[in-house]
Amino acid sequence: SCDETAAAVVRDGTEVLSNIIHSQLLLHQRFGGVVPEIASRSHTQRILGIVQHALREAAVTPEQLTAVAVTNRPGMIGCLLVGATAAKALSWLFDLPLVGVDHVQAHIHAAFMTRPDMPLPAVTLVASGGHTALYLVHAPGRTERIGSTRDDAAGEAFDKGAAILGLTYPGGPAIEAAAIDGDPTAVQLPRPLLHNELDFSFSGVKTALLYHLRGSGLERPMPSLSAAQVADLAASYQAAIVDCLVVKMRRAAERHHAASLAIGGGVARNALLRAAIAADPVLGALELVFPPLAICSDNAAMVAGLGTEQLRRGAVDDLHLPVTATARR
C-alpha cells in the first residue's frame, strides 16, 4: 500500500511460515518521504521475486495454497494496483480464492495472531505514518472506529518533527534514537485535544516545536543545535506525542469497559509508547497485547491472517476486485 513490498505464507491464520519484506527506505530517504511514482515502480520490479522468496522460505508451492489475500485499501493507488494485479494473476493461474483486505484492519487483526484468545471487547490503537485511530474490537473482523486524527497521523508528526530537527527519515526511529540521551521535560510542548472526546491532533505539537526553534517569524533562520539540544528536543517531542496517545487510549478503555488493549502500526514499535502503556494505572491493569515488532509495521503476514478469517466467513472477491485510497470506517 506504500513503500514495503511484502509477501508471506501463513497457515491457519496464525502460524507464520514466511514473512518477507523489502523496504524502499533508501529510495525515499533523500526526499524526506515516500514518492508515489518511485514506490510503485519499485514494487513492480520486486513483487515477483518477493513472492517467490516467501514460497521458498515456507517450503510450499503455489498449488498447495488455499487462497490469496491482498491489500486493496487504503494506500497509494499505484502501489495497491501492483499488489492487486500480482494477487489476481496468482488467483487466476492456480484457481485460488481471492480475498481483498483492508490493511488498517489487518493491523488490528495482528493482535489476534499474537493472542487468538484476546479478551473482548478490546481497544486497539493503530498508529502509523498514514493513520492514527482508535478502534473498539468486538470480535475478529468486527470493529468500530471510535476516534481518529483530525490532522496529522502520529507517524507523520514524527517524520515532520525529525525534519525540523535535521534528523533522518523515517522520523519515528530517528527521534526515538536521538531521545535516548535527552530530557523529556526540557521543553514544554502542548498536548492538543486532551479534553476532547477520543480524537487526536498532532499538528499543534509540530508547530510548537518549529516556533520554539525559530519563533513566530518565518524569516528567521533555523538555529544550529548541539547534540544535547537535539536530544532534549527529541525527547520532549516524543513524550508529547506518546502522552496524547496514552491519554486517549485510557479514556477509550474506561468509556467502553475494555477487557484488553492492543496496538498496531509502525508507531507501535516505539519503546516509550509500550512502556507508558504498561506503566499507566488503567491501561496496565488490562490484558495488553503488543504484537511482535515484525508484524507492527506494514507486512504481509497480518494481511494473510485477516484474509484467512475473511475466507472462513465466505468473504471472497473476484478478479474485478478494486483498489481504493481510503479505508472503511
Protein backbone atom coordinates (compact mmCIF):
# COMPACT_ATOMS: atom_id res chain seq x y z
CA SER A 1 0.00 0.00 0.00
CA CYS A 2 3.00 2.29 0.47
CA ASP A 3 6.74 1.61 0.48
CA GLU A 4 7.16 -2.00 1.58
CA THR A 5 6.96 -4.86 -0.92
CA ALA A 6 5.90 -7.88 1.10
CA ALA A 7 4.68 -11.45 0.80
CA ALA A 8 4.01 -14.09 3.44
CA VAL A 9 2.72 -17.62 3.82
CA VAL A 10 0.53 -18.20 6.88
CA ARG A 11 -1.04 -21.49 7.99
CA ASP A 12 -4.48 -21.47 9.65
CA GLY A 13 -4.35 -17.70 10.09
CA THR A 14 -1.80 -17.68 12.91
CA GLU A 15 1.31 -19.74 12.06
CA VAL A 16 3.69 -17.58 10.05
CA LEU A 17 5.73 -19.82 7.74
CA SER A 18 7.42 -16.90 5.99
CA ASN A 19 7.17 -13.11 6.13
CA ILE A 20 9.34 -11.38 3.54
CA ILE A 21 9.55 -7.58 3.50
CA HIS A 22 11.59 -5.39 1.16
CA SER A 23 11.83 -1.81 2.40
CA GLN A 24 12.24 1.08 -0.02
CA LEU A 25 13.73 3.29 2.70
CA LEU A 26 16.93 4.10 0.82
CA LEU A 27 14.96 5.08 -2.30
CA HIS A 28 12.89 7.69 -0.47
CA GLN A 29 15.24 8.87 2.27
CA ARG A 30 16.77 11.71 0.27
CA PHE A 31 13.29 13.07 -0.47
CA GLY A 32 12.25 13.07 3.20
CA GLY A 33 9.14 11.00 2.43
CA VAL A 34 7.59 8.46 0.09
CA VAL A 35 7.40 9.41 -3.60
CA PRO A 36 4.39 7.50 -5.04
CA GLU A 37 5.81 7.04 -8.55
CA ILE A 38 9.12 5.70 -7.25
CA ALA A 39 7.30 3.43 -4.80
CA SER A 40 5.03 1.85 -7.41
CA ARG A 41 7.90 1.32 -9.87
CA SER A 42 9.95 -0.41 -7.18
CA HIS A 43 7.00 -2.66 -6.31
CA THR A 44 6.71 -3.64 -9.98
CA GLN A 45 10.38 -4.58 -10.09
CA ARG A 46 10.37 -6.51 -6.81
CA ILE A 47 6.99 -8.18 -6.38
CA LEU A 48 7.63 -11.43 -8.27
CA GLY A 49 10.93 -12.08 -6.51
CA ILE A 50 9.41 -11.35 -3.10
CA VAL A 51 6.53 -13.79 -3.71
CA GLN A 52 8.96 -16.48 -4.86
CA HIS A 53 11.14 -15.85 -1.78
CA ALA A 54 8.13 -16.23 0.54
CA LEU A 55 7.13 -19.52 -1.08
CA ARG A 56 10.68 -20.89 -0.92
CA GLU A 57 11.14 -19.97 2.73
CA ALA A 58 7.80 -21.57 3.62
CA ALA A 59 8.70 -24.65 1.55
CA VAL A 60 5.37 -24.64 -0.26
CA THR A 61 4.32 -24.44 -3.90
CA PRO A 62 1.52 -22.23 -5.25
CA GLU A 63 -0.57 -25.38 -5.78
CA GLN A 64 -0.50 -26.01 -2.02
CA LEU A 65 -2.04 -22.63 -1.17
CA THR A 66 -5.72 -22.41 -0.25
CA ALA A 67 -6.24 -18.72 -1.09
CA VAL A 68 -4.51 -15.45 -1.95
CA ALA A 69 -5.09 -12.41 0.27
CA VAL A 70 -4.01 -8.94 -0.84
CA THR A 71 -4.20 -5.39 0.47
CA ASN A 72 -6.62 -3.47 -1.73
CA ARG A 73 -7.18 -0.46 0.57
CA PRO A 74 -6.20 2.06 1.85
CA GLY A 75 -3.00 3.37 0.33
CA MET A 76 -1.37 4.82 -2.75
CA ILE A 77 -3.32 3.71 -5.80
CA GLY A 78 -0.27 2.89 -7.92
CA CYS A 79 1.21 0.75 -5.17
CA LEU A 80 -2.06 -1.03 -4.45
CA LEU A 81 -2.50 -1.81 -8.15
CA VAL A 82 0.83 -3.63 -8.30
CA GLY A 83 -0.06 -5.90 -5.38
CA ALA A 84 -3.63 -6.47 -6.54
CA THR A 85 -2.51 -7.34 -10.08
CA ALA A 86 0.02 -9.86 -8.79
CA ALA A 87 -2.57 -11.44 -6.48
CA LYS A 88 -5.15 -11.65 -9.26
CA ALA A 89 -2.59 -13.36 -11.50
CA LEU A 90 -1.89 -15.97 -8.81
CA SER A 91 -5.60 -16.42 -8.17
CA TRP A 92 -6.36 -16.98 -11.86
CA LEU A 93 -3.31 -19.11 -12.67
CA PHE A 94 -3.70 -21.51 -9.74
CA ASP A 95 -7.50 -21.30 -9.36
CA LEU A 96 -7.31 -19.88 -5.82
CA PRO A 97 -9.92 -17.79 -3.99
CA LEU A 98 -9.01 -14.08 -3.90
CA VAL A 99 -9.54 -12.09 -0.69
CA GLY A 100 -9.20 -8.30 -0.58
CA VAL A 101 -8.04 -6.96 2.78
CA ASP A 102 -8.17 -3.51 4.38
CA HIS A 103 -4.62 -3.14 5.68
CA VAL A 104 -5.68 -0.96 8.64
CA GLN A 105 -7.99 -3.76 9.71
CA ALA A 106 -5.04 -6.13 9.23
CA HIS A 107 -3.05 -4.07 11.75
CA ILE A 108 -5.91 -4.63 14.21
CA HIS A 109 -6.01 -8.33 13.41
CA ALA A 110 -2.29 -8.70 14.16
CA ALA A 111 -3.26 -8.74 17.84
CA PHE A 112 -5.36 -11.89 17.28
CA MET A 113 -2.41 -13.54 15.56
CA THR A 114 -0.40 -12.82 18.70
CA ARG A 115 -3.17 -13.71 21.15
CA PRO A 116 -6.06 -15.61 19.49
CA ASP A 117 -8.00 -15.65 22.78
CA MET A 118 -7.58 -11.92 23.44
CA PRO A 119 -10.31 -10.85 25.91
CA LEU A 120 -13.06 -8.75 24.35
CA PRO A 121 -14.07 -6.05 23.94
CA ALA A 122 -10.65 -4.64 23.16
CA VAL A 123 -9.50 -1.13 22.41
CA THR A 124 -6.89 -1.09 19.65
CA LEU A 125 -4.68 1.80 18.59
CA VAL A 126 -3.46 1.81 15.00
CA ALA A 127 -0.74 4.45 14.63
CA SER A 128 1.48 4.82 11.59
CA GLY A 129 2.68 7.38 9.09
CA GLY A 130 -0.67 7.47 7.33
CA HIS A 131 -3.18 6.54 10.01
CA THR A 132 -3.89 7.17 13.67
CA ALA A 133 -7.18 5.86 15.02
CA LEU A 134 -8.76 4.04 17.93
CA TYR A 135 -10.98 1.02 17.33
CA LEU A 136 -13.31 -0.92 19.57
CA VAL A 137 -12.93 -4.59 18.66
CA HIS A 138 -15.99 -6.75 19.33
CA ALA A 139 -14.73 -9.90 17.56
CA PRO A 140 -12.16 -10.83 14.91
CA GLY A 141 -13.10 -8.82 11.85
CA ARG A 142 -15.82 -6.84 13.68
CA THR A 143 -14.52 -3.42 14.65
CA GLU A 144 -15.83 0.07 15.25
CA ARG A 145 -13.75 3.21 14.83
CA ILE A 146 -14.21 5.39 17.91
CA GLY A 147 -11.55 8.05 17.40
CA SER A 148 -9.18 9.32 14.73
CA THR A 149 -6.77 12.13 13.98
CA ARG A 150 -8.12 15.45 12.82
CA ASP A 151 -4.91 16.37 11.01
CA ASP A 152 -1.51 14.66 11.03
CA ALA A 153 -1.08 11.00 11.84
CA ALA A 154 1.30 10.23 14.71
CA GLY A 155 3.91 8.75 12.39
CA GLU A 156 3.62 11.77 10.10
CA ALA A 157 4.18 14.04 13.12
CA PHE A 158 7.34 12.08 13.93
CA ASP A 159 8.54 12.47 10.33
CA LYS A 160 7.92 16.22 10.30
CA GLY A 161 9.44 16.70 13.75
CA ALA A 162 12.55 14.83 12.64
CA ALA A 163 12.82 17.06 9.57
CA ILE A 164 12.62 20.16 11.78
CA LEU A 165 15.41 18.79 13.97
CA GLY A 166 17.57 17.84 10.99
CA LEU A 167 17.21 14.10 11.63
CA THR A 168 16.80 11.39 9.02
CA TYR A 169 13.68 9.81 7.51
CA PRO A 170 11.76 7.91 8.77
CA GLY A 171 11.31 10.19 11.72
CA GLY A 172 9.98 7.78 14.32
CA PRO A 173 13.12 5.67 14.74
CA ALA A 174 15.33 8.76 14.32
CA ILE A 175 13.58 10.70 17.09
CA GLU A 176 13.47 7.64 19.34
CA ALA A 177 17.22 7.14 18.94
CA ALA A 178 18.02 10.83 19.48
CA ALA A 179 15.77 10.97 22.55
CA ILE A 180 17.66 8.27 24.45
CA ASP A 181 20.09 10.81 25.95
CA GLY A 182 17.55 13.63 26.19
CA ASP A 183 15.38 15.12 28.93
CA PRO A 184 11.66 14.75 28.08
CA THR A 185 10.83 17.67 30.40
CA ALA A 186 13.37 20.06 28.87
CA VAL A 187 10.86 21.76 26.56
CA GLN A 188 7.18 22.22 27.32
CA LEU A 189 5.18 21.25 24.25
CA PRO A 190 1.37 21.14 24.03
CA ARG A 191 -0.79 18.03 24.27
CA PRO A 192 -3.71 19.02 21.98
CA LEU A 193 -7.31 17.84 22.38
CA LEU A 194 -6.69 16.06 25.67
CA HIS A 195 -10.17 17.02 26.85
CA ASN A 196 -11.99 16.50 23.56
CA GLU A 197 -13.51 13.07 23.09
CA LEU A 198 -11.30 10.41 21.51
CA ASP A 199 -9.89 12.25 18.51
CA PHE A 200 -6.23 13.17 18.11
CA SER A 201 -4.43 16.25 16.81
CA PHE A 202 -0.68 16.42 16.27
CA SER A 203 -0.22 19.45 14.01
CA GLY A 204 -0.04 21.78 17.02
CA VAL A 205 2.80 19.80 18.59
CA LYS A 206 4.77 20.02 15.35
CA THR A 207 4.10 23.76 15.03
CA ALA A 208 5.07 24.36 18.66
CA LEU A 209 8.40 22.62 18.05
CA LEU A 210 9.03 24.77 14.98
CA TYR A 211 8.12 28.00 16.80
CA HIS A 212 10.27 27.03 19.78
CA LEU A 213 13.26 26.87 17.46
CA ARG A 214 12.55 29.71 15.06
CA GLY A 215 9.99 31.90 16.75
CA SER A 216 6.80 33.03 15.04
CA GLY A 217 8.63 34.94 12.31
CA LEU A 218 9.24 32.69 9.31
CA GLU A 219 12.03 34.97 8.12
CA ARG A 220 14.27 33.81 10.97
CA PRO A 221 16.69 31.02 10.01
CA MET A 222 16.73 27.75 11.91
CA PRO A 223 19.34 27.83 14.68
CA SER A 224 22.26 25.46 14.86
CA LEU A 225 21.71 22.86 17.56
CA SER A 226 24.15 20.90 19.67
CA ALA A 227 23.73 17.15 20.05
CA ALA A 228 22.47 17.71 23.61
CA GLN A 229 19.85 20.21 22.42
CA VAL A 230 18.65 17.83 19.70
CA ALA A 231 18.39 15.04 22.28
CA ASP A 232 16.31 17.19 24.66
CA LEU A 233 14.03 18.41 21.87
CA ALA A 234 13.57 14.89 20.50
CA ALA A 235 12.78 13.53 23.97
CA SER A 236 10.30 16.34 24.68
CA TYR A 237 8.62 15.93 21.29
CA GLN A 238 8.36 12.15 21.62
CA ALA A 239 6.92 12.48 25.13
CA ALA A 240 4.22 14.89 23.90
CA ILE A 241 3.08 12.51 21.15
CA VAL A 242 3.14 9.47 23.44
CA ASP A 243 1.21 11.33 26.16
CA CYS A 244 -1.55 12.17 23.68
CA LEU A 245 -1.82 8.55 22.56
CA VAL A 246 -1.88 7.16 26.10
CA VAL A 247 -4.49 9.63 27.39
CA LYS A 248 -6.88 8.80 24.54
CA MET A 249 -6.35 5.05 24.94
CA ARG A 250 -7.08 5.34 28.66
CA ARG A 251 -10.26 7.32 28.01
CA ALA A 252 -11.42 4.83 25.39
CA ALA A 253 -10.71 1.85 27.66
CA GLU A 254 -12.65 3.39 30.54
CA ARG A 255 -15.57 4.55 28.42
CA HIS A 256 -16.04 1.23 26.64
CA HIS A 257 -15.17 -1.05 29.58
CA ALA A 258 -12.36 -2.71 27.63
CA ALA A 259 -11.01 -6.05 28.78
CA SER A 260 -7.81 -5.69 26.79
CA LEU A 261 -5.76 -3.21 24.82
CA ALA A 262 -3.74 -3.80 21.65
CA ILE A 263 -1.56 -1.64 19.43
CA GLY A 264 -0.51 -1.86 15.80
CA GLY A 265 1.20 0.14 13.07
CA GLY A 266 4.74 1.43 12.79
CA VAL A 267 4.43 3.76 15.79
CA ALA A 268 3.55 0.70 17.91
CA ARG A 269 7.23 -0.24 17.67
CA ASN A 270 8.12 2.77 19.85
CA ALA A 271 9.60 1.60 23.16
CA LEU A 272 8.45 4.65 25.13
CA LEU A 273 4.86 4.10 23.99
CA ARG A 274 4.91 0.46 25.09
CA ALA A 275 6.46 1.37 28.44
CA ALA A 276 3.99 4.21 29.02
CA ILE A 277 1.02 1.93 28.33
CA ALA A 278 2.32 -0.72 30.72
CA ALA A 279 3.01 1.90 33.42
CA ASP A 280 -0.41 3.56 33.16
CA PRO A 281 -2.59 2.56 36.15
CA VAL A 282 -5.68 1.98 33.97
CA LEU A 283 -4.14 0.51 30.83
CA GLY A 284 -1.58 -1.53 32.72
CA ALA A 285 -4.39 -3.34 34.53
CA LEU A 286 -5.83 -4.59 31.21
CA GLU A 287 -4.69 -7.55 29.18
CA LEU A 288 -2.03 -5.92 26.98
CA VAL A 289 -1.37 -7.35 23.53
CA PHE A 290 1.76 -5.98 21.89
CA PRO A 291 2.39 -7.79 18.58
CA PRO A 292 6.00 -8.68 17.73
CA LEU A 293 7.85 -5.81 16.06
CA ALA A 294 7.94 -7.75 12.76
CA ILE A 295 4.15 -7.53 12.37
CA CYS A 296 3.67 -3.98 13.67
CA SER A 297 4.86 -2.16 10.55
CA ASP A 298 3.28 -2.95 7.18
CA ASN A 299 3.73 -6.64 6.38
CA ALA A 300 2.01 -9.45 4.51
CA ALA A 301 1.63 -11.86 7.43
CA MET A 302 -1.10 -9.76 9.04
CA VAL A 303 -2.86 -9.46 5.67
CA ALA A 304 -2.80 -13.24 5.29
CA GLY A 305 -4.05 -13.63 8.86
CA LEU A 306 -7.08 -11.41 8.32
CA GLY A 307 -7.57 -12.90 4.86
CA THR A 308 -7.89 -16.32 6.47
CA GLU A 309 -10.57 -15.01 8.85
CA GLN A 310 -12.49 -13.45 5.96
CA LEU A 311 -12.19 -16.66 3.94
CA ARG A 312 -13.75 -18.60 6.82
CA ARG A 313 -16.70 -16.20 6.72
CA GLY A 314 -17.06 -16.64 2.96
CA ALA A 315 -15.92 -13.09 2.18
CA VAL A 316 -14.28 -13.91 -1.15
CA ASP A 317 -13.71 -11.47 -4.02
CA ASP A 318 -13.42 -11.95 -7.77
CA LEU A 319 -10.91 -10.75 -10.35
CA HIS A 320 -12.72 -7.40 -10.56
CA LEU A 321 -11.54 -6.54 -7.02
CA PRO A 322 -10.99 -2.74 -6.99
CA VAL A 323 -8.33 -0.80 -5.13
CA THR A 324 -9.22 2.32 -3.16
CA ALA A 325 -7.15 5.01 -1.46
CA THR A 326 -9.34 5.22 1.63
CA ALA A 327 -10.21 2.82 4.45
CA ARG A 328 -13.66 1.79 5.53
CA ARG A 329 -14.90 3.32 8.77
